[in-house]
C-alpha cells in the first residue's frame, strides 16, 4: 500500500484521482480550500478509512506545517510516499489576473515540492497545463510535442500569458529537483479536461449543458465561430497520472502531454451536447471576444504512449453522455 498526498483534492482531477487510488487499496491524504469546488465532490469518500481530508490552503504556512507533521507520522507505515499537486487556479476568468494565479500555481507548488523532498517522498507529480503552448497550439504533424518551441503572447498583448508562464516555471522547478536527484517526478500538460462531477458551469462543456438545460440556447464568445479544441475526460486524465506515477523510467523530470486527438469545433460541441439532451439544432448566439485565445489546440501524446501503457478510453460522445446523465440525477 502506498501513501498519496494530493493538493486540490476536491477539484476536478483531484477527487477522481483520490477515488481511483482508494479503490486500488492505497491511502490518500487530501486537502483543498474550496476555491473552485466543495466538499460534495469527495463526500462519498469521507467515511472511507483510506481517505483523510483537511480543509487546508496550499498557501497557508501553518496548515502546510500541520500537513507535514501528519505525513511524517504516517509515512513509515507505507511502502512508498507520493505527492501529487492538483491545486491550480485554472479557469479562464482568472488567467488575466496575475496575483490570482501566481501565489497558488508558482509559490504554492514550489513549497509543496520542497515539502515532498523534505519528508522523503519518492515521487512528485506536477499537474501543469497545455496553456503553456499559448498561441502555438497545433501543427500539421499530429499536434504540438513537448519538445517543440513555445511561442507565447507578450506582456503588452495579454495578461493571460502570465498563467502559462507561471505553470511553465513549475515545470522547471520539477526538472531541477529531479536533475539534482532530490526526487523522482514529471509534469503533465493536460488538454481541456472535463468531468461529470464538475459543480460550477464555468468550463465550456458544463456551461453548454447548463445553458441548454435552463434556456434551450447557448451564448458563446465571438472566438467560438472558428475555435476548435480537444477534450479529455477526467477519468482518462487521472489514469494518465497513475500510469506515470507507476512508471519509474518516465519520472525523469520530463513533461508529458495528456490529451485526445478527437478535435471538435465549439459550435459542433454545442450541437453534440444538444443531441445528447434531445435538442436538435440548438440556438447559438455570439457576444464578446477573448484576447489570446488560440484557434486550435492539438497536442501530440506520442511520448506518454511510448513510455507508459496509457491511452484515452472515453470518447467525447461517451463523456458528454456521462455529464448529461449526471445532471439528470
C-alpha atoms as a PDB file:
ATOM      1  CA  UNK A   1       0.000   0.000   0.000  1.00  0.00           C
ATOM      2  CA  UNK A   2       1.239   3.474  -0.911  1.00  0.00           C
ATOM      3  CA  UNK A   3       0.505   6.833   0.734  1.00  0.00           C
ATOM      4  CA  UNK A   4      -0.561   9.613  -1.633  1.00  0.00           C
ATOM      5  CA  UNK A   5      -0.711  13.284  -0.662  1.00  0.00           C
ATOM      6  CA  UNK A   6      -2.977  15.244  -3.022  1.00  0.00           C
ATOM      7  CA  UNK A   7      -3.441  19.003  -3.114  1.00  0.00           C
ATOM      8  CA  UNK A   8      -6.635  20.355  -4.666  1.00  0.00           C
ATOM      9  CA  UNK A   9      -8.312  17.057  -3.867  1.00  0.00           C
ATOM     10  CA  UNK A  10     -11.898  18.303  -4.253  1.00  0.00           C
ATOM     11  CA  UNK A  11     -11.137  19.734  -7.686  1.00  0.00           C
ATOM     12  CA  UNK A  12     -11.926  18.100 -10.989  1.00  0.00           C
ATOM     13  CA  UNK A  13      -8.764  15.989 -11.237  1.00  0.00           C
ATOM     14  CA  UNK A  14      -8.094  15.559  -7.538  1.00  0.00           C
ATOM     15  CA  UNK A  15     -11.345  13.944  -6.460  1.00  0.00           C
ATOM     16  CA  UNK A  16     -11.428  11.338  -9.224  1.00  0.00           C
ATOM     17  CA  UNK A  17      -7.758  10.588  -8.708  1.00  0.00           C
ATOM     18  CA  UNK A  18      -8.337  10.005  -4.990  1.00  0.00           C
ATOM     19  CA  UNK A  19     -11.273   7.738  -5.806  1.00  0.00           C
ATOM     20  CA  UNK A  20      -9.194   5.593  -8.165  1.00  0.00           C
ATOM     21  CA  UNK A  21      -6.320   5.295  -5.710  1.00  0.00           C
ATOM     22  CA  UNK A  22      -8.563   4.345  -2.799  1.00  0.00           C
ATOM     23  CA  UNK A  23     -10.295   1.751  -4.952  1.00  0.00           C
ATOM     24  CA  UNK A  24      -6.861   0.267  -5.652  1.00  0.00           C
ATOM     25  CA  UNK A  25      -6.259  -0.076  -1.906  1.00  0.00           C
ATOM     26  CA  UNK A  26      -3.968   2.891  -1.347  1.00  0.00           C
ATOM     27  CA  UNK A  27      -4.121   5.540   1.393  1.00  0.00           C
ATOM     28  CA  UNK A  28      -4.854   9.136   0.444  1.00  0.00           C
ATOM     29  CA  UNK A  29      -4.433  12.342   2.430  1.00  0.00           C
ATOM     30  CA  UNK A  30      -6.047  15.161   0.501  1.00  0.00           C
ATOM     31  CA  UNK A  31      -6.647  18.833   1.135  1.00  0.00           C
ATOM     32  CA  UNK A  32      -8.376  21.779  -0.511  1.00  0.00           C
ATOM     33  CA  UNK A  33      -9.520  25.312   0.284  1.00  0.00           C
ATOM     34  CA  UNK A  34     -12.663  25.088  -1.911  1.00  0.00           C
ATOM     35  CA  UNK A  35     -11.561  27.915  -4.214  1.00  0.00           C
ATOM     36  CA  UNK A  36     -13.488  26.374  -7.108  1.00  0.00           C
ATOM     37  CA  UNK A  37     -15.058  23.248  -5.622  1.00  0.00           C
ATOM     38  CA  UNK A  38     -16.762  21.940  -2.499  1.00  0.00           C
ATOM     39  CA  UNK A  39     -16.750  19.014  -0.105  1.00  0.00           C
ATOM     40  CA  UNK A  40     -19.564  17.489  -2.156  1.00  0.00           C
ATOM     41  CA  UNK A  41     -17.115  16.080  -4.703  1.00  0.00           C
ATOM     42  CA  UNK A  42     -15.482  13.836  -2.089  1.00  0.00           C
ATOM     43  CA  UNK A  43     -18.430  13.153   0.218  1.00  0.00           C
ATOM     44  CA  UNK A  44     -18.600   9.538  -0.977  1.00  0.00           C
ATOM     45  CA  UNK A  45     -15.056   9.016   0.391  1.00  0.00           C
ATOM     46  CA  UNK A  46     -15.206  10.911   3.676  1.00  0.00           C
ATOM     47  CA  UNK A  47     -16.125   7.846   5.744  1.00  0.00           C
ATOM     48  CA  UNK A  48     -13.588   5.627   3.967  1.00  0.00           C
ATOM     49  CA  UNK A  49     -10.740   4.615   6.273  1.00  0.00           C
ATOM     50  CA  UNK A  50      -8.303   5.002   3.370  1.00  0.00           C
ATOM     51  CA  UNK A  51      -9.102   8.688   2.902  1.00  0.00           C
ATOM     52  CA  UNK A  52      -8.283  11.647   5.131  1.00  0.00           C
ATOM     53  CA  UNK A  53      -9.414  15.144   4.198  1.00  0.00           C
ATOM     54  CA  UNK A  54      -8.251  18.515   5.514  1.00  0.00           C
ATOM     55  CA  UNK A  55      -9.653  21.926   4.647  1.00  0.00           C
ATOM     56  CA  UNK A  56      -6.214  23.405   4.096  1.00  0.00           C
ATOM     57  CA  UNK A  57      -4.901  26.163   1.847  1.00  0.00           C
ATOM     58  CA  UNK A  58      -1.710  25.420  -0.105  1.00  0.00           C
ATOM     59  CA  UNK A  59      -0.553  28.966   0.670  1.00  0.00           C
ATOM     60  CA  UNK A  60      -1.148  28.769   4.435  1.00  0.00           C
ATOM     61  CA  UNK A  61       2.208  28.024   6.055  1.00  0.00           C
ATOM     62  CA  UNK A  62       0.756  26.911   9.372  1.00  0.00           C
ATOM     63  CA  UNK A  63      -1.614  24.459   7.702  1.00  0.00           C
ATOM     64  CA  UNK A  64       1.129  23.089   5.449  1.00  0.00           C
ATOM     65  CA  UNK A  65       3.341  22.562   8.516  1.00  0.00           C
ATOM     66  CA  UNK A  66       0.485  20.614  10.111  1.00  0.00           C
ATOM     67  CA  UNK A  67       0.221  18.508   6.962  1.00  0.00           C
ATOM     68  CA  UNK A  68       3.953  17.849   7.014  1.00  0.00           C
ATOM     69  CA  UNK A  69       3.782  16.708  10.639  1.00  0.00           C
ATOM     70  CA  UNK A  70       0.924  14.328   9.777  1.00  0.00           C
ATOM     71  CA  UNK A  71       2.855  12.882   6.833  1.00  0.00           C
ATOM     72  CA  UNK A  72       5.938  12.312   8.983  1.00  0.00           C
ATOM     73  CA  UNK A  73       3.819  10.367  11.492  1.00  0.00           C
ATOM     74  CA  UNK A  74       2.206   8.247   8.775  1.00  0.00           C
ATOM     75  CA  UNK A  75       4.927   7.686   6.151  1.00  0.00           C
ATOM     76  CA  UNK A  76       6.729   4.684   7.665  1.00  0.00           C
ATOM     77  CA  UNK A  77       3.532   2.623   7.561  1.00  0.00           C
ATOM     78  CA  UNK A  78       3.582   2.565   3.761  1.00  0.00           C
ATOM     79  CA  UNK A  79       5.876   1.180   1.091  1.00  0.00           C
ATOM     80  CA  UNK A  80       6.026   4.434  -0.846  1.00  0.00           C
ATOM     81  CA  UNK A  81       5.164   8.117  -0.403  1.00  0.00           C
ATOM     82  CA  UNK A  82       3.892  10.040  -3.438  1.00  0.00           C
ATOM     83  CA  UNK A  83       2.925  13.722  -3.712  1.00  0.00           C
ATOM     84  CA  UNK A  84       0.565  14.910  -6.440  1.00  0.00           C
ATOM     85  CA  UNK A  85      -0.050  18.618  -6.956  1.00  0.00           C
ATOM     86  CA  UNK A  86      -3.538  19.142  -8.407  1.00  0.00           C
ATOM     87  CA  UNK A  87      -4.029  22.596  -6.888  1.00  0.00           C
ATOM     88  CA  UNK A  88      -4.274  25.221  -9.608  1.00  0.00           C
ATOM     89  CA  UNK A  89      -6.224  28.345 -10.464  1.00  0.00           C
ATOM     90  CA  UNK A  90      -7.494  27.008 -13.752  1.00  0.00           C
ATOM     91  CA  UNK A  91     -10.485  28.839 -15.144  1.00  0.00           C
ATOM     92  CA  UNK A  92     -10.035  31.377 -17.928  1.00  0.00           C
ATOM     93  CA  UNK A  93     -11.700  34.144 -15.929  1.00  0.00           C
ATOM     94  CA  UNK A  94      -8.697  34.120 -13.589  1.00  0.00           C
ATOM     95  CA  UNK A  95      -5.966  33.841 -16.234  1.00  0.00           C
ATOM     96  CA  UNK A  96      -5.853  37.598 -16.721  1.00  0.00           C
ATOM     97  CA  UNK A  97      -5.219  38.343 -13.014  1.00  0.00           C
ATOM     98  CA  UNK A  98      -1.575  37.666 -12.194  1.00  0.00           C
ATOM     99  CA  UNK A  99      -1.925  37.573  -8.398  1.00  0.00           C
ATOM    100  CA  UNK A 100      -4.739  35.010  -8.512  1.00  0.00           C
ATOM    101  CA  UNK A 101      -2.578  32.520 -10.367  1.00  0.00           C
ATOM    102  CA  UNK A 102       0.966  33.239  -9.164  1.00  0.00           C
ATOM    103  CA  UNK A 103       0.505  32.548  -5.461  1.00  0.00           C
ATOM    104  CA  UNK A 104      -1.019  29.095  -5.870  1.00  0.00           C
ATOM    105  CA  UNK A 105       0.428  27.921  -9.159  1.00  0.00           C
ATOM    106  CA  UNK A 106       4.015  29.050  -8.569  1.00  0.00           C
ATOM    107  CA  UNK A 107       4.774  29.841  -4.922  1.00  0.00           C
ATOM    108  CA  UNK A 108       2.439  27.172  -3.562  1.00  0.00           C
ATOM    109  CA  UNK A 109       3.667  24.492  -5.945  1.00  0.00           C
ATOM    110  CA  UNK A 110       7.320  25.211  -5.108  1.00  0.00           C
ATOM    111  CA  UNK A 111       6.639  24.970  -1.365  1.00  0.00           C
ATOM    112  CA  UNK A 112       4.666  21.733  -1.840  1.00  0.00           C
ATOM    113  CA  UNK A 113       7.530  20.251  -3.867  1.00  0.00           C
ATOM    114  CA  UNK A 114      10.028  21.282  -1.193  1.00  0.00           C
ATOM    115  CA  UNK A 115       7.860  19.638   1.457  1.00  0.00           C
ATOM    116  CA  UNK A 116       7.739  16.417  -0.560  1.00  0.00           C
ATOM    117  CA  UNK A 117      11.534  16.390  -0.743  1.00  0.00           C
ATOM    118  CA  UNK A 118      11.887  17.198   2.958  1.00  0.00           C
ATOM    119  CA  UNK A 119       9.636  14.345   4.128  1.00  0.00           C
ATOM    120  CA  UNK A 120      11.320  11.837   1.833  1.00  0.00           C
ATOM    121  CA  UNK A 121       8.648  11.330  -0.820  1.00  0.00           C
ATOM    122  CA  UNK A 122       9.778   9.127  -3.681  1.00  0.00           C
ATOM    123  CA  UNK A 123       7.662  10.760  -6.411  1.00  0.00           C
ATOM    124  CA  UNK A 124       6.166  14.172  -7.161  1.00  0.00           C
ATOM    125  CA  UNK A 125       3.666  14.608  -9.994  1.00  0.00           C
ATOM    126  CA  UNK A 126       3.220  18.212 -11.114  1.00  0.00           C
ATOM    127  CA  UNK A 127      -0.056  18.910 -12.913  1.00  0.00           C
ATOM    128  CA  UNK A 128       0.726  21.597 -15.464  1.00  0.00           C
ATOM    129  CA  UNK A 129      -1.343  22.749 -18.447  1.00  0.00           C
ATOM    130  CA  UNK A 130      -1.454  22.923 -22.228  1.00  0.00           C
ATOM    131  CA  UNK A 131      -1.877  26.701 -21.780  1.00  0.00           C
ATOM    132  CA  UNK A 132       1.925  26.864 -21.888  1.00  0.00           C
ATOM    133  CA  UNK A 133       1.691  26.375 -25.664  1.00  0.00           C
ATOM    134  CA  UNK A 134      -0.277  29.630 -25.803  1.00  0.00           C
ATOM    135  CA  UNK A 135      -0.552  30.839 -29.404  1.00  0.00           C
ATOM    136  CA  UNK A 136       1.444  27.920 -30.857  1.00  0.00           C
ATOM    137  CA  UNK A 137      -1.066  25.214 -30.032  1.00  0.00           C
ATOM    138  CA  UNK A 138      -1.175  22.937 -33.064  1.00  0.00           C
ATOM    139  CA  UNK A 139       0.680  21.815 -36.161  1.00  0.00           C
ATOM    140  CA  UNK A 140       0.170  19.555 -39.140  1.00  0.00           C
ATOM    141  CA  UNK A 141       2.370  16.763 -37.765  1.00  0.00           C
ATOM    142  CA  UNK A 142      -0.124  15.369 -35.259  1.00  0.00           C
ATOM    143  CA  UNK A 143      -0.148  18.227 -32.783  1.00  0.00           C
ATOM    144  CA  UNK A 144       2.486  20.078 -30.741  1.00  0.00           C
ATOM    145  CA  UNK A 145       5.044  17.930 -28.968  1.00  0.00           C
ATOM    146  CA  UNK A 146       6.690  18.578 -25.609  1.00  0.00           C
ATOM    147  CA  UNK A 147       9.985  19.283 -27.367  1.00  0.00           C
ATOM    148  CA  UNK A 148       8.552  21.965 -29.669  1.00  0.00           C
ATOM    149  CA  UNK A 149       9.460  25.594 -29.093  1.00  0.00           C
ATOM    150  CA  UNK A 150       6.856  27.596 -27.229  1.00  0.00           C
ATOM    151  CA  UNK A 151       5.527  30.863 -28.670  1.00  0.00           C
ATOM    152  CA  UNK A 152       3.759  32.951 -26.046  1.00  0.00           C
ATOM    153  CA  UNK A 153       1.912  36.232 -26.253  1.00  0.00           C
ATOM    154  CA  UNK A 154       3.933  39.117 -24.812  1.00  0.00           C
ATOM    155  CA  UNK A 155       3.124  41.214 -21.754  1.00  0.00           C
ATOM    156  CA  UNK A 156       1.781  44.092 -23.830  1.00  0.00           C
ATOM    157  CA  UNK A 157      -0.535  41.783 -25.743  1.00  0.00           C
ATOM    158  CA  UNK A 158      -2.301  39.854 -22.964  1.00  0.00           C
ATOM    159  CA  UNK A 159      -2.044  39.233 -19.227  1.00  0.00           C
ATOM    160  CA  UNK A 160      -3.474  35.772 -19.864  1.00  0.00           C
ATOM    161  CA  UNK A 161       0.031  34.569 -20.642  1.00  0.00           C
ATOM    162  CA  UNK A 162       1.031  35.144 -17.010  1.00  0.00           C
ATOM    163  CA  UNK A 163      -0.830  31.956 -16.152  1.00  0.00           C
ATOM    164  CA  UNK A 164       1.052  29.977 -18.785  1.00  0.00           C
ATOM    165  CA  UNK A 165       4.364  31.500 -17.714  1.00  0.00           C
ATOM    166  CA  UNK A 166       3.755  30.524 -14.097  1.00  0.00           C
ATOM    167  CA  UNK A 167       2.871  26.936 -14.952  1.00  0.00           C
ATOM    168  CA  UNK A 168       5.918  26.700 -17.218  1.00  0.00           C
ATOM    169  CA  UNK A 169       8.074  27.830 -14.296  1.00  0.00           C
ATOM    170  CA  UNK A 170       6.752  24.948 -12.173  1.00  0.00           C
ATOM    171  CA  UNK A 171       7.973  22.557 -14.854  1.00  0.00           C
ATOM    172  CA  UNK A 172      11.485  23.986 -14.393  1.00  0.00           C
ATOM    173  CA  UNK A 173      11.201  23.509 -10.621  1.00  0.00           C
ATOM    174  CA  UNK A 174      10.230  19.897 -11.249  1.00  0.00           C
ATOM    175  CA  UNK A 175      13.023  19.192 -13.681  1.00  0.00           C
ATOM    176  CA  UNK A 176      15.565  20.913 -11.426  1.00  0.00           C
ATOM    177  CA  UNK A 177      14.604  18.763  -8.412  1.00  0.00           C
ATOM    178  CA  UNK A 178      14.914  15.564 -10.449  1.00  0.00           C
ATOM    179  CA  UNK A 179      18.202  16.652 -12.033  1.00  0.00           C
ATOM    180  CA  UNK A 180      19.625  17.216  -8.557  1.00  0.00           C
ATOM    181  CA  UNK A 181      18.469  13.708  -7.534  1.00  0.00           C
ATOM    182  CA  UNK A 182      16.204  15.043  -4.803  1.00  0.00           C
ATOM    183  CA  UNK A 183      13.090  13.226  -6.005  1.00  0.00           C
ATOM    184  CA  UNK A 184      11.575  11.428  -8.990  1.00  0.00           C
ATOM    185  CA  UNK A 185       8.807  13.123 -10.912  1.00  0.00           C
ATOM    186  CA  UNK A 186       7.378  14.745 -14.008  1.00  0.00           C
ATOM    187  CA  UNK A 187       4.992  17.440 -15.194  1.00  0.00           C
ATOM    188  CA  UNK A 188       1.767  16.847 -17.100  1.00  0.00           C
ATOM    189  CA  UNK A 189       0.333  19.273 -19.649  1.00  0.00           C
ATOM    190  CA  UNK A 190      -3.353  18.436 -19.718  1.00  0.00           C
ATOM    191  CA  UNK A 191      -5.646  19.351 -22.583  1.00  0.00           C
ATOM    192  CA  UNK A 192      -9.137  20.693 -21.828  1.00  0.00           C
ATOM    193  CA  UNK A 193     -10.248  18.359 -19.040  1.00  0.00           C
ATOM    194  CA  UNK A 194     -13.923  17.938 -18.213  1.00  0.00           C
ATOM    195  CA  UNK A 195     -15.878  15.880 -15.679  1.00  0.00           C
ATOM    196  CA  UNK A 196     -19.391  14.782 -14.875  1.00  0.00           C
ATOM    197  CA  UNK A 197     -18.669  15.866 -11.294  1.00  0.00           C
ATOM    198  CA  UNK A 198     -17.852  19.468 -12.146  1.00  0.00           C
ATOM    199  CA  UNK A 199     -20.078  21.562  -9.909  1.00  0.00           C
ATOM    200  CA  UNK A 200     -19.676  25.020 -11.396  1.00  0.00           C
ATOM    201  CA  UNK A 201     -20.675  25.604 -15.041  1.00  0.00           C
ATOM    202  CA  UNK A 202     -17.668  27.743 -15.920  1.00  0.00           C
ATOM    203  CA  UNK A 203     -15.706  25.463 -18.202  1.00  0.00           C
ATOM    204  CA  UNK A 204     -17.151  25.130 -21.660  1.00  0.00           C
ATOM    205  CA  UNK A 205     -18.797  21.675 -21.511  1.00  0.00           C
ATOM    206  CA  UNK A 206     -20.723  22.102 -18.242  1.00  0.00           C
ATOM    207  CA  UNK A 207     -21.520  25.664 -19.317  1.00  0.00           C
ATOM    208  CA  UNK A 208     -23.101  24.426 -22.552  1.00  0.00           C
ATOM    209  CA  UNK A 209     -25.081  21.677 -20.828  1.00  0.00           C
ATOM    210  CA  UNK A 210     -26.384  24.020 -18.122  1.00  0.00           C
ATOM    211  CA  UNK A 211     -27.317  26.684 -20.684  1.00  0.00           C
ATOM    212  CA  UNK A 212     -29.201  24.197 -22.852  1.00  0.00           C
ATOM    213  CA  UNK A 213     -30.953  22.755 -19.848  1.00  0.00           C
ATOM    214  CA  UNK A 214     -32.003  26.100 -18.405  1.00  0.00           C
ATOM    215  CA  UNK A 215     -32.592  28.209 -21.539  1.00  0.00           C
ATOM    216  CA  UNK A 216     -32.529  25.872 -24.508  1.00  0.00           C
ATOM    217  CA  UNK A 217     -29.880  28.080 -26.118  1.00  0.00           C
ATOM    218  CA  UNK A 218     -26.194  28.910 -25.672  1.00  0.00           C
ATOM    219  CA  UNK A 219     -24.361  32.230 -25.840  1.00  0.00           C
ATOM    220  CA  UNK A 220     -20.747  31.894 -26.958  1.00  0.00           C
ATOM    221  CA  UNK A 221     -17.855  34.278 -27.448  1.00  0.00           C
ATOM    222  CA  UNK A 222     -17.195  35.513 -30.977  1.00  0.00           C
ATOM    223  CA  UNK A 223     -13.989  33.426 -30.899  1.00  0.00           C
ATOM    224  CA  UNK A 224     -16.162  30.310 -30.916  1.00  0.00           C
ATOM    225  CA  UNK A 225     -17.142  30.887 -34.551  1.00  0.00           C
ATOM    226  CA  UNK A 226     -13.744  29.477 -35.555  1.00  0.00           C
ATOM    227  CA  UNK A 227     -12.223  27.858 -32.448  1.00  0.00           C
ATOM    228  CA  UNK A 228     -11.612  24.121 -32.204  1.00  0.00           C
ATOM    229  CA  UNK A 229     -10.465  22.077 -29.200  1.00  0.00           C
ATOM    230  CA  UNK A 230      -9.834  18.553 -27.996  1.00  0.00           C
ATOM    231  CA  UNK A 231     -11.446  17.484 -24.706  1.00  0.00           C
ATOM    232  CA  UNK A 232     -10.168  14.927 -22.202  1.00  0.00           C
ATOM    233  CA  UNK A 233     -12.442  13.158 -19.723  1.00  0.00           C
ATOM    234  CA  UNK A 234     -11.057  13.355 -16.202  1.00  0.00           C
ATOM    235  CA  UNK A 235     -11.156   9.592 -15.761  1.00  0.00           C
ATOM    236  CA  UNK A 236      -8.622   9.416 -18.585  1.00  0.00           C
ATOM    237  CA  UNK A 237      -6.564  12.297 -17.184  1.00  0.00           C
ATOM    238  CA  UNK A 238      -6.396  10.566 -13.783  1.00  0.00           C
ATOM    239  CA  UNK A 239      -5.437   7.272 -15.392  1.00  0.00           C
ATOM    240  CA  UNK A 240      -2.515   9.125 -17.008  1.00  0.00           C
ATOM    241  CA  UNK A 241      -1.348  10.478 -13.647  1.00  0.00           C
ATOM    242  CA  UNK A 242      -1.374   6.986 -12.163  1.00  0.00           C
ATOM    243  CA  UNK A 243       0.349   5.460 -15.188  1.00  0.00           C
ATOM    244  CA  UNK A 244       3.186   7.980 -14.936  1.00  0.00           C
ATOM    245  CA  UNK A 245       3.497   7.656 -11.143  1.00  0.00           C
ATOM    246  CA  UNK A 246       3.862   3.895 -11.537  1.00  0.00           C
ATOM    247  CA  UNK A 247       6.430   4.042 -14.369  1.00  0.00           C
ATOM    248  CA  UNK A 248       9.807   4.749 -12.832  1.00  0.00           C
ATOM    249  CA  UNK A 249      11.552   5.256 -16.173  1.00  0.00           C
ATOM    250  CA  UNK A 250       9.111   8.062 -17.030  1.00  0.00           C
ATOM    251  CA  UNK A 251       9.874  10.058 -13.870  1.00  0.00           C
ATOM    252  CA  UNK A 252      12.964  11.814 -15.196  1.00  0.00           C
ATOM    253  CA  UNK A 253      11.713  15.385 -14.846  1.00  0.00           C
ATOM    254  CA  UNK A 254      10.086  15.206 -18.269  1.00  0.00           C
ATOM    255  CA  UNK A 255       6.959  16.957 -19.454  1.00  0.00           C
ATOM    256  CA  UNK A 256       4.094  14.861 -20.860  1.00  0.00           C
ATOM    257  CA  UNK A 257       1.138  15.935 -22.978  1.00  0.00           C
ATOM    258  CA  UNK A 258      -2.086  14.222 -21.931  1.00  0.00           C
ATOM    259  CA  UNK A 259      -4.908  14.688 -24.410  1.00  0.00           C
ATOM    260  CA  UNK A 260      -7.033  13.107 -27.110  1.00  0.00           C
ATOM    261  CA  UNK A 261      -6.791  13.663 -30.847  1.00  0.00           C
ATOM    262  CA  UNK A 262     -10.570  13.988 -31.210  1.00  0.00           C
ATOM    263  CA  UNK A 263     -10.769  17.618 -32.327  1.00  0.00           C
ATOM    264  CA  UNK A 264     -14.126  19.371 -32.496  1.00  0.00           C
ATOM    265  CA  UNK A 265     -15.281  22.926 -33.167  1.00  0.00           C
ATOM    266  CA  UNK A 266     -17.014  24.722 -30.315  1.00  0.00           C
ATOM    267  CA  UNK A 267     -20.128  25.088 -32.456  1.00  0.00           C
ATOM    268  CA  UNK A 268     -20.205  21.346 -33.144  1.00  0.00           C
ATOM    269  CA  UNK A 269     -19.623  20.739 -29.438  1.00  0.00           C
ATOM    270  CA  UNK A 270     -22.852  22.627 -28.675  1.00  0.00           C
ATOM    271  CA  UNK A 271     -24.670  20.521 -31.250  1.00  0.00           C
ATOM    272  CA  UNK A 272     -23.254  17.294 -29.777  1.00  0.00           C
ATOM    273  CA  UNK A 273     -24.360  18.285 -26.263  1.00  0.00           C
ATOM    274  CA  UNK A 274     -27.768  19.196 -27.677  1.00  0.00           C
ATOM    275  CA  UNK A 275     -28.196  15.794 -29.345  1.00  0.00           C
ATOM    276  CA  UNK A 276     -27.322  14.014 -26.106  1.00  0.00           C
ATOM    277  CA  UNK A 277     -30.021  16.098 -24.413  1.00  0.00           C
ATOM    278  CA  UNK A 278     -32.606  15.514 -27.130  1.00  0.00           C
ATOM    279  CA  UNK A 279     -32.247  19.021 -28.567  1.00  0.00           C
ATOM    280  CA  UNK A 280     -31.698  19.183 -32.308  1.00  0.00           C
ATOM    281  CA  UNK A 281     -30.049  22.302 -33.764  1.00  0.00           C
ATOM    282  CA  UNK A 282     -29.851  24.305 -30.514  1.00  0.00           C
ATOM    283  CA  UNK A 283     -29.883  28.077 -30.801  1.00  0.00           C
ATOM    284  CA  UNK A 284     -26.435  29.665 -30.605  1.00  0.00           C
ATOM    285  CA  UNK A 285     -25.771  33.378 -30.165  1.00  0.00           C
ATOM    286  CA  UNK A 286     -22.434  35.182 -30.026  1.00  0.00           C
ATOM    287  CA  UNK A 287     -21.284  38.018 -27.789  1.00  0.00           C
ATOM    288  CA  UNK A 288     -17.916  39.229 -26.506  1.00  0.00           C
ATOM    289  CA  UNK A 289     -14.350  38.464 -27.508  1.00  0.00           C
ATOM    290  CA  UNK A 290     -11.387  36.927 -25.673  1.00  0.00           C
ATOM    291  CA  UNK A 291      -7.822  38.030 -26.371  1.00  0.00           C
ATOM    292  CA  UNK A 292      -5.021  35.499 -26.879  1.00  0.00           C
ATOM    293  CA  UNK A 293      -7.405  32.635 -27.464  1.00  0.00           C
ATOM    294  CA  UNK A 294      -5.748  30.140 -29.843  1.00  0.00           C
ATOM    295  CA  UNK A 295      -7.945  28.925 -32.668  1.00  0.00           C
ATOM    296  CA  UNK A 296      -6.829  25.332 -32.237  1.00  0.00           C
ATOM    297  CA  UNK A 297      -5.143  23.288 -29.521  1.00  0.00           C
ATOM    298  CA  UNK A 298      -4.000  19.849 -30.600  1.00  0.00           C
ATOM    299  CA  UNK A 299      -1.361  18.014 -28.571  1.00  0.00           C
ATOM    300  CA  UNK A 300       0.807  15.085 -29.578  1.00  0.00           C
ATOM    301  CA  UNK A 301       0.597  12.266 -27.000  1.00  0.00           C
ATOM    302  CA  UNK A 302       3.223  10.072 -28.631  1.00  0.00           C
ATOM    303  CA  UNK A 303       5.629  10.481 -25.707  1.00  0.00           C
ATOM    304  CA  UNK A 304       3.355   9.256 -22.906  1.00  0.00           C
ATOM    305  CA  UNK A 305       2.012   6.438 -25.080  1.00  0.00           C
ATOM    306  CA  UNK A 306       5.547   5.227 -25.767  1.00  0.00           C
ATOM    307  CA  UNK A 307       6.708   5.450 -22.158  1.00  0.00           C
ATOM    308  CA  UNK A 308       3.606   4.080 -20.394  1.00  0.00           C
ATOM    309  CA  UNK A 309       0.601   1.921 -21.248  1.00  0.00           C
ATOM    310  CA  UNK A 310      -1.771   4.924 -21.124  1.00  0.00           C
ATOM    311  CA  UNK A 311      -4.293   5.642 -23.852  1.00  0.00           C
ATOM    312  CA  UNK A 312      -7.538   7.646 -23.513  1.00  0.00           C
ATOM    313  CA  UNK A 313     -10.547   5.322 -23.340  1.00  0.00           C
ATOM    314  CA  UNK A 314     -13.594   7.608 -23.146  1.00  0.00           C
ATOM    315  CA  UNK A 315     -14.718   9.206 -26.402  1.00  0.00           C
ATOM    316  CA  UNK A 316     -16.131  12.709 -26.358  1.00  0.00           C
ATOM    317  CA  UNK A 317     -19.624  11.418 -27.202  1.00  0.00           C
ATOM    318  CA  UNK A 318     -19.452   8.952 -24.292  1.00  0.00           C
ATOM    319  CA  UNK A 319     -18.128  11.613 -21.941  1.00  0.00           C
ATOM    320  CA  UNK A 320     -20.840  14.118 -22.840  1.00  0.00           C
ATOM    321  CA  UNK A 321     -23.455  11.444 -22.262  1.00  0.00           C
ATOM    322  CA  UNK A 322     -21.988  10.779 -18.807  1.00  0.00           C
ATOM    323  CA  UNK A 323     -22.166  14.511 -17.985  1.00  0.00           C
ATOM    324  CA  UNK A 324     -25.786  14.778 -19.150  1.00  0.00           C
ATOM    325  CA  UNK A 325     -26.857  11.724 -17.145  1.00  0.00           C
ATOM    326  CA  UNK A 326     -25.213  13.100 -14.011  1.00  0.00           C
ATOM    327  CA  UNK A 327     -27.163  16.346 -14.353  1.00  0.00           C
ATOM    328  CA  UNK A 328     -30.422  14.420 -14.706  1.00  0.00           C
ATOM    329  CA  UNK A 329     -29.843  12.951 -11.268  1.00  0.00           C
END
